[in-house]
Amino acid sequence: MRRVFLFLPILIIISILSSCSYLPKKEYVYIPPHSAADKKCINKCSYAKKYCQRICELKNSRSCDCTVSFNTCYLACGGQVIEK
């Protein structure tokens, strides 16, 4: 009986953490700019996002999100970001 009371808090913590792990991801529509220079700028944003994602994979971090910085870069390059 004592063993059950030892494992009960651990099971409660695991169930709480697993229920919080699902957060719906936002979806975006990206409208590219017209000029070639701005499109090159957006390519650099894409490379930076891929690099960020790779770092997240190496750290095994589930809380790592590269989308916000990508969207900021995309807007700075003259593109439009529309949240669905």
C-alpha atoms as a PDB file:
ATOM      1  CA  MET A   1       0.000   0.000   0.000  1.00  0.00           C
ATOM      2  CA  ARG A   2       2.867   2.340   0.786  1.00  0.00           C
ATOM      3  CA  ARG A   3       4.317   1.769  -2.711  1.00  0.00           C
ATOM      4  CA  VAL A   4       1.116   3.046  -4.301  1.00  0.00           C
ATOM      5  CA  PHE A   5       1.412   6.309  -2.378  1.00  0.00           C
ATOM      6  CA  LEU A   6       5.015   6.675  -3.535  1.00  0.00           C
ATOM      7  CA  PHE A   7       4.162   6.257  -7.217  1.00  0.00           C
ATOM      8  CA  LEU A   8       0.915   8.226  -7.189  1.00  0.00           C
ATOM      9  CA  PRO A   9       2.549  11.698  -7.175  1.00  0.00           C
ATOM     10  CA  ILE A  10       4.879  10.648  -9.985  1.00  0.00           C
ATOM     11  CA  LEU A  11       1.953   9.429 -12.103  1.00  0.00           C
ATOM     12  CA  ILE A  12       0.043  12.648 -11.456  1.00  0.00           C
ATOM     13  CA  ILE A  13       3.010  14.791 -12.512  1.00  0.00           C
ATOM     14  CA  ILE A  14       3.552  12.735 -15.673  1.00  0.00           C
ATOM     15  CA  SER A  15      -0.104  12.994 -16.649  1.00  0.00           C
ATOM     16  CA  ILE A  16      -0.131  16.763 -16.096  1.00  0.00           C
ATOM     17  CA  LEU A  17       3.023  17.276 -18.146  1.00  0.00           C
ATOM     18  CA  SER A  18       1.830  15.071 -20.972  1.00  0.00           C
ATOM     19  CA  SER A  19      -1.492  16.889 -21.186  1.00  0.00           C
ATOM     20  CA  CYS A  20       0.286  20.221 -21.462  1.00  0.00           C
ATOM     21  CA  SER A  21       2.624  19.096 -24.221  1.00  0.00           C
ATOM     22  CA  TYR A  22       0.020  19.436 -26.965  1.00  0.00           C
ATOM     23  CA  LEU A  23      -0.343  23.014 -28.061  1.00  0.00           C
ATOM     24  CA  PRO A  24      -1.950  23.596 -31.436  1.00  0.00           C
ATOM     25  CA  LYS A  25       0.462  25.144 -33.872  1.00  0.00           C
ATOM     26  CA  LYS A  26      -0.528  28.301 -35.630  1.00  0.00           C
ATOM     27  CA  GLU A  27      -0.587  28.258 -39.393  1.00  0.00           C
ATOM     28  CA  TYR A  28       0.586  31.135 -41.527  1.00  0.00           C
ATOM     29  CA  VAL A  29       0.257  32.223 -45.131  1.00  0.00           C
ATOM     30  CA  TYR A  30       3.408  33.826 -46.532  1.00  0.00           C
ATOM     31  CA  ILE A  31       3.148  36.354 -49.360  1.00  0.00           C
ATOM     32  CA  PRO A  32       6.589  37.014 -50.868  1.00  0.00           C
ATOM     33  CA  PRO A  33       7.805  40.439 -51.936  1.00  0.00           C
ATOM     34  CA  HIS A  34       8.238  41.335 -55.588  1.00  0.00           C
ATOM     35  CA  SER A  35      11.862  42.451 -55.882  1.00  0.00           C
ATOM     36  CA  ALA A  36      14.738  40.036 -56.371  1.00  0.00           C
ATOM     37  CA  ALA A  37      16.736  41.609 -53.533  1.00  0.00           C
ATOM     38  CA  ASP A  38      13.866  41.099 -51.102  1.00  0.00           C
ATOM     39  CA  LYS A  39      13.509  37.487 -52.235  1.00  0.00           C
ATOM     40  CA  LYS A  40      17.221  36.947 -51.496  1.00  0.00           C
ATOM     41  CA  CYS A  41      16.594  38.425 -48.074  1.00  0.00           C
ATOM     42  CA  ILE A  42      13.787  35.907 -47.490  1.00  0.00           C
ATOM     43  CA  ASN A  43      16.102  33.079 -48.540  1.00  0.00           C
ATOM     44  CA  LYS A  44      18.434  34.175 -45.742  1.00  0.00           C
ATOM     45  CA  CYS A  45      15.477  34.029 -43.339  1.00  0.00           C
ATOM     46  CA  SER A  46      14.798  30.457 -44.472  1.00  0.00           C
ATOM     47  CA  TYR A  47      18.421  29.460 -43.902  1.00  0.00           C
ATOM     48  CA  ALA A  48      18.317  31.029 -40.437  1.00  0.00           C
ATOM     49  CA  LYS A  49      15.113  29.119 -39.620  1.00  0.00           C
ATOM     50  CA  LYS A  50      16.652  25.828 -40.740  1.00  0.00           C
ATOM     51  CA  TYR A  51      19.727  26.559 -38.617  1.00  0.00           C
ATOM     52  CA  CYS A  52      17.502  27.362 -35.629  1.00  0.00           C
ATOM     53  CA  GLN A  53      15.561  24.126 -36.105  1.00  0.00           C
ATOM     54  CA  ARG A  54      18.787  22.149 -36.283  1.00  0.00           C
ATOM     55  CA  ILE A  55      19.989  23.673 -33.020  1.00  0.00           C
ATOM     56  CA  CYS A  56      16.647  22.766 -31.426  1.00  0.00           C
ATOM     57  CA  GLU A  57      17.010  19.180 -32.634  1.00  0.00           C
ATOM     58  CA  LEU A  58      20.520  18.950 -31.203  1.00  0.00           C
ATOM     59  CA  LYS A  59      19.303  20.252 -27.857  1.00  0.00           C
ATOM     60  CA  ASN A  60      16.281  17.923 -27.944  1.00  0.00           C
ATOM     61  CA  SER A  61      14.189  20.919 -26.972  1.00  0.00           C
ATOM     62  CA  ARG A  62      10.455  20.672 -27.557  1.00  0.00           C
ATOM     63  CA  SER A  63       9.864  24.204 -26.361  1.00  0.00           C
ATOM     64  CA  CYS A  64      12.099  25.673 -29.052  1.00  0.00           C
ATOM     65  CA  ASP A  65      10.178  27.705 -31.628  1.00  0.00           C
ATOM     66  CA  CYS A  66      11.847  29.261 -34.653  1.00  0.00           C
ATOM     67  CA  THR A  67       8.649  30.535 -36.277  1.00  0.00           C
ATOM     68  CA  VAL A  68       8.474  33.891 -34.474  1.00  0.00           C
ATOM     69  CA  SER A  69      11.966  34.929 -35.529  1.00  0.00           C
ATOM     70  CA  PHE A  70      11.321  33.686 -39.084  1.00  0.00           C
ATOM     71  CA  ASN A  71       8.107  35.702 -39.316  1.00  0.00           C
ATOM     72  CA  THR A  72       9.882  38.822 -38.042  1.00  0.00           C
ATOM     73  CA  CYS A  73      12.656  38.353 -40.599  1.00  0.00           C
ATOM     74  CA  TYR A  74      10.119  37.711 -43.372  1.00  0.00           C
ATOM     75  CA  LEU A  75       8.277  40.942 -42.557  1.00  0.00           C
ATOM     76  CA  ALA A  76      11.547  42.895 -42.382  1.00  0.00           C
ATOM     77  CA  CYS A  77      12.393  41.670 -45.886  1.00  0.00           C
ATOM     78  CA  GLY A  78       9.161  43.090 -47.299  1.00  0.00           C
ATOM     79  CA  GLY A  79       7.000  39.983 -47.255  1.00  0.00           C
ATOM     80  CA  GLN A  80       3.609  39.601 -45.651  1.00  0.00           C
ATOM     81  CA  VAL A  81       2.700  37.086 -42.946  1.00  0.00           C
ATOM     82  CA  ILE A  82      -0.976  36.304 -42.418  1.00  0.00           C
ATOM     83  CA  GLU A  83      -2.096  34.073 -39.578  1.00  0.00           C
ATOM     84  CA  LYS A  84      -4.805  31.570 -40.533  1.00  0.00           C
END
